[in-house]
Structure formats: C-alpha cells, structure tokens
Amino acid sequence: MTHNIVCYRCGEALAALSLPFSRQDVCPACENYIHVCKMCRFFDPGVPRQCREDDAEDVTEKERLNFCDYYSPSDQAFDAARKSEADVARAQLDSLFGDGDAVDTTSDSSAAEDAATSMRTPRRRTSPKVST
C-alpha cells in the first residue's frame, strides 16, 4: 500500500517505509524518529496538551520517540515555512560561526600551550600573614 506521508522535520518522502510505521522507524534523510507527536494526525498546537485525542497520555517532548497507542501518522505534518525559517537560521549561524568542519588551531596554539602549562604547574599555597 502506497502513501503520501513525508517526514515532519525535513519533508523527505517516507514511501519506502510500510504502514503501520514501527516505533523504531526513522526518516531515511534526517534520521529522526517517525513515531513522535509532531508526526501524528492528533497533534494540534492550538489545544491543551497539543493533542486532540482526549485519552492519550501526556507527552511533554513532542519531537521525541514515545509509546503513545493513539499514534497515527499524518500526511500534513510537514510545514515548509517552518523548514525554510530553520534553514535561514542555520545559514546565519554558519556564516557567523563557520560551518564547524574546519577548526583554526594556528592562531591560538601558543595561548593553548600556556594555558595547558599553567594547569599542570601546581601553585604554592602561602599562608596568610597574621598581624600580632
């Protein structure tokens, strides 16, 4: 049976996974678990507990794997606007801090050596002078 369900986080098609999804199924693109509240058809941020199923147990972290028996995957879980906002924010962080792949160790090598040396050298404790 084919379906049109996509990952709630990255939008990748989950057609390669068969329904019903296993609790341990992950998105092939972003490797996030699929059995999460934000992927469920009962998830609704506008209602108390963010769940429209009254009998479901309360799950506080909506993007974490859970044991909810009422889980039913939604084909409307992916929000392209939220994804694009996250991509813009990630690009801004990368431009500010770099992409994290390259680490520049040439400029701070002497400072790092000085810090390491000072940590290895024990300090002498002096007793406070007592005036009599």
C-alpha atoms as a PDB file:
ATOM      1  CA  MET A   1       0.000   0.000   0.000  1.00  0.00           C
ATOM      2  CA  THR A   2       1.452   3.348  -1.009  1.00  0.00           C
ATOM      3  CA  HIS A   3       1.074   6.552   0.962  1.00  0.00           C
ATOM      4  CA  ASN A   4       1.985  10.227   0.621  1.00  0.00           C
ATOM      5  CA  ILE A   5       3.406  10.719   4.113  1.00  0.00           C
ATOM      6  CA  VAL A   6       6.549  12.839   4.446  1.00  0.00           C
ATOM      7  CA  CYS A   7       8.842  13.496   7.394  1.00  0.00           C
ATOM      8  CA  TYR A   8       7.568  16.262   9.677  1.00  0.00           C
ATOM      9  CA  ARG A   9      11.072  17.692  10.029  1.00  0.00           C
ATOM     10  CA  CYS A  10      12.738  17.598   6.592  1.00  0.00           C
ATOM     11  CA  GLY A  11       9.906  16.818   4.161  1.00  0.00           C
ATOM     12  CA  GLU A  12      11.503  13.623   2.813  1.00  0.00           C
ATOM     13  CA  ALA A  13       9.012  11.118   1.377  1.00  0.00           C
ATOM     14  CA  LEU A  14       8.501   8.082   3.615  1.00  0.00           C
ATOM     15  CA  ALA A  15       7.059   5.875   0.862  1.00  0.00           C
ATOM     16  CA  ALA A  16       9.875   3.351   1.357  1.00  0.00           C
ATOM     17  CA  LEU A  17       8.534   2.639   4.863  1.00  0.00           C
ATOM     18  CA  SER A  18       5.455   0.474   5.106  1.00  0.00           C
ATOM     19  CA  LEU A  19       2.392   1.305   7.156  1.00  0.00           C
ATOM     20  CA  PRO A  20       1.869   0.993  10.022  1.00  0.00           C
ATOM     21  CA  PHE A  21       5.179   2.572  10.957  1.00  0.00           C
ATOM     22  CA  SER A  22       7.229   0.734  13.529  1.00  0.00           C
ATOM     23  CA  ARG A  23       8.047   2.568  16.737  1.00  0.00           C
ATOM     24  CA  GLN A  24      11.739   2.442  15.755  1.00  0.00           C
ATOM     25  CA  ASP A  25      11.324   3.696  12.151  1.00  0.00           C
ATOM     26  CA  VAL A  26      13.430   6.717  11.244  1.00  0.00           C
ATOM     27  CA  CYS A  27      13.406   9.133   8.338  1.00  0.00           C
ATOM     28  CA  PRO A  28      15.935   7.981   5.737  1.00  0.00           C
ATOM     29  CA  ALA A  29      17.096  11.581   5.119  1.00  0.00           C
ATOM     30  CA  CYS A  30      17.364  13.250   8.543  1.00  0.00           C
ATOM     31  CA  GLU A  31      17.360  10.072  10.691  1.00  0.00           C
ATOM     32  CA  ASN A  32      14.786  11.424  13.144  1.00  0.00           C
ATOM     33  CA  TYR A  33      12.252   9.063  14.651  1.00  0.00           C
ATOM     34  CA  ILE A  34       8.851   8.992  12.971  1.00  0.00           C
ATOM     35  CA  HIS A  35       6.780   7.855  15.992  1.00  0.00           C
ATOM     36  CA  VAL A  36       6.629  11.333  17.544  1.00  0.00           C
ATOM     37  CA  CYS A  37       3.745  13.641  18.424  1.00  0.00           C
ATOM     38  CA  LYS A  38       4.564  16.203  15.729  1.00  0.00           C
ATOM     39  CA  MET A  39       4.144  13.468  13.110  1.00  0.00           C
ATOM     40  CA  CYS A  40       0.722  12.378  14.427  1.00  0.00           C
ATOM     41  CA  ARG A  41      -2.644  13.358  12.981  1.00  0.00           C
ATOM     42  CA  PHE A  42      -3.864  14.178  16.527  1.00  0.00           C
ATOM     43  CA  PHE A  43      -1.095  16.760  17.096  1.00  0.00           C
ATOM     44  CA  ASP A  44      -2.520  20.276  17.305  1.00  0.00           C
ATOM     45  CA  PRO A  45      -0.520  23.108  18.899  1.00  0.00           C
ATOM     46  CA  GLY A  46      -3.736  25.073  19.479  1.00  0.00           C
ATOM     47  CA  VAL A  47      -5.327  22.703  22.003  1.00  0.00           C
ATOM     48  CA  PRO A  48      -4.384  21.809  25.587  1.00  0.00           C
ATOM     49  CA  ARG A  49      -1.516  19.292  25.751  1.00  0.00           C
ATOM     50  CA  GLN A  50      -1.235  19.832  21.946  1.00  0.00           C
ATOM     51  CA  CYS A  51      -3.191  16.617  21.343  1.00  0.00           C
ATOM     52  CA  ARG A  52      -6.770  16.209  20.087  1.00  0.00           C
ATOM     53  CA  GLU A  53      -7.009  12.651  21.461  1.00  0.00           C
ATOM     54  CA  ASP A  54      -8.500  13.004  24.952  1.00  0.00           C
ATOM     55  CA  ASP A  55      -7.491   9.531  26.142  1.00  0.00           C
ATOM     56  CA  ALA A  56      -3.832   9.789  25.119  1.00  0.00           C
ATOM     57  CA  GLU A  57      -1.220  10.084  27.839  1.00  0.00           C
ATOM     58  CA  ASP A  58       0.514  13.426  28.136  1.00  0.00           C
ATOM     59  CA  VAL A  59       3.818  13.604  26.238  1.00  0.00           C
ATOM     60  CA  THR A  60       5.852  16.677  27.130  1.00  0.00           C
ATOM     61  CA  GLU A  61       8.513  16.500  24.409  1.00  0.00           C
ATOM     62  CA  LYS A  62       6.641  16.429  21.114  1.00  0.00           C
ATOM     63  CA  GLU A  63       9.687  15.650  18.937  1.00  0.00           C
ATOM     64  CA  ARG A  64      10.893  12.643  20.927  1.00  0.00           C
ATOM     65  CA  LEU A  65      10.110   8.993  20.403  1.00  0.00           C
ATOM     66  CA  ASN A  66       7.138   7.895  22.526  1.00  0.00           C
ATOM     67  CA  PHE A  67       4.889   4.940  23.329  1.00  0.00           C
ATOM     68  CA  CYS A  68       1.531   6.558  22.503  1.00  0.00           C
ATOM     69  CA  ASP A  69      -1.048   3.947  21.478  1.00  0.00           C
ATOM     70  CA  TYR A  70      -3.106   6.537  19.595  1.00  0.00           C
ATOM     71  CA  TYR A  71      -0.319   7.487  17.190  1.00  0.00           C
ATOM     72  CA  SER A  72      -1.494   7.772  13.596  1.00  0.00           C
ATOM     73  CA  PRO A  73       0.891   9.356  11.059  1.00  0.00           C
ATOM     74  CA  SER A  74      -0.288  12.500   9.347  1.00  0.00           C
ATOM     75  CA  ASP A  75       0.348  13.434   5.746  1.00  0.00           C
ATOM     76  CA  GLN A  76       0.028  17.113   6.775  1.00  0.00           C
ATOM     77  CA  ALA A  77       2.781  17.145   9.432  1.00  0.00           C
ATOM     78  CA  PHE A  78       5.468  18.818   7.314  1.00  0.00           C
ATOM     79  CA  ASP A  79       5.463  22.628   7.379  1.00  0.00           C
ATOM     80  CA  ALA A  80       7.591  24.020   4.545  1.00  0.00           C
ATOM     81  CA  ALA A  81       7.529  27.559   6.011  1.00  0.00           C
ATOM     82  CA  ARG A  82       8.958  26.328   9.321  1.00  0.00           C
ATOM     83  CA  LYS A  83      11.602  24.346   7.435  1.00  0.00           C
ATOM     84  CA  SER A  84      12.678  27.369   5.399  1.00  0.00           C
ATOM     85  CA  GLU A  85      12.871  29.523   8.565  1.00  0.00           C
ATOM     86  CA  ALA A  86      15.075  26.877  10.178  1.00  0.00           C
ATOM     87  CA  ASP A  87      17.288  26.739   7.089  1.00  0.00           C
ATOM     88  CA  VAL A  88      17.715  30.531   7.116  1.00  0.00           C
ATOM     89  CA  ALA A  89      18.578  30.500  10.826  1.00  0.00           C
ATOM     90  CA  ARG A  90      21.083  27.670  10.306  1.00  0.00           C
ATOM     91  CA  ALA A  91      22.697  29.557   7.399  1.00  0.00           C
ATOM     92  CA  GLN A  92      23.012  32.677   9.562  1.00  0.00           C
ATOM     93  CA  LEU A  93      24.658  30.681  12.345  1.00  0.00           C
ATOM     94  CA  ASP A  94      27.020  29.050   9.869  1.00  0.00           C
ATOM     95  CA  SER A  95      28.029  32.438   8.484  1.00  0.00           C
ATOM     96  CA  LEU A  96      28.568  33.772  11.993  1.00  0.00           C
ATOM     97  CA  PHE A  97      30.426  30.815  13.499  1.00  0.00           C
ATOM     98  CA  GLY A  98      31.566  28.938  10.414  1.00  0.00           C
ATOM     99  CA  ASP A  99      30.306  25.581   9.300  1.00  0.00           C
ATOM    100  CA  GLY A 100      32.041  23.696  12.119  1.00  0.00           C
ATOM    101  CA  ASP A 101      34.087  21.499   9.776  1.00  0.00           C
ATOM    102  CA  ALA A 102      37.322  23.451   9.923  1.00  0.00           C
ATOM    103  CA  VAL A 103      38.943  24.364  13.210  1.00  0.00           C
ATOM    104  CA  ASP A 104      41.634  27.039  13.198  1.00  0.00           C
ATOM    105  CA  THR A 105      44.301  25.993  15.678  1.00  0.00           C
ATOM    106  CA  THR A 106      47.225  28.006  14.314  1.00  0.00           C
ATOM    107  CA  SER A 107      46.430  31.365  15.894  1.00  0.00           C
ATOM    108  CA  ASP A 108      45.689  30.145  19.404  1.00  0.00           C
ATOM    109  CA  SER A 109      48.314  27.411  19.701  1.00  0.00           C
ATOM    110  CA  SER A 110      50.646  29.419  21.956  1.00  0.00           C
ATOM    111  CA  ALA A 111      47.769  30.538  24.163  1.00  0.00           C
ATOM    112  CA  ALA A 112      46.569  26.955  24.430  1.00  0.00           C
ATOM    113  CA  GLU A 113      50.072  25.760  25.355  1.00  0.00           C
ATOM    114  CA  ASP A 114      50.379  28.481  28.024  1.00  0.00           C
ATOM    115  CA  ALA A 115      47.007  27.504  29.471  1.00  0.00           C
ATOM    116  CA  ALA A 116      47.944  23.815  29.498  1.00  0.00           C
ATOM    117  CA  THR A 117      51.286  24.569  31.192  1.00  0.00           C
ATOM    118  CA  SER A 118      49.661  26.696  33.877  1.00  0.00           C
ATOM    119  CA  MET A 119      47.173  23.922  34.599  1.00  0.00           C
ATOM    120  CA  ARG A 120      49.953  21.371  35.055  1.00  0.00           C
ATOM    121  CA  THR A 121      52.124  23.541  37.288  1.00  0.00           C
ATOM    122  CA  PRO A 122      50.915  23.337  40.880  1.00  0.00           C
ATOM    123  CA  ARG A 123      50.553  26.617  42.688  1.00  0.00           C
ATOM    124  CA  ARG A 124      52.213  27.111  46.018  1.00  0.00           C
ATOM    125  CA  ARG A 125      49.890  27.990  48.772  1.00  0.00           C
ATOM    126  CA  THR A 126      51.024  30.676  51.087  1.00  0.00           C
ATOM    127  CA  SER A 127      49.586  31.126  54.489  1.00  0.00           C
ATOM    128  CA  PRO A 128      48.048  34.485  55.180  1.00  0.00           C
ATOM    129  CA  LYS A 129      50.136  36.835  57.284  1.00  0.00           C
ATOM    130  CA  VAL A 130      48.699  37.259  60.697  1.00  0.00           C
ATOM    131  CA  SER A 131      49.402  40.511  62.422  1.00  0.00           C
ATOM    132  CA  THR A 132      50.005  40.337  66.158  1.00  0.00           C
END
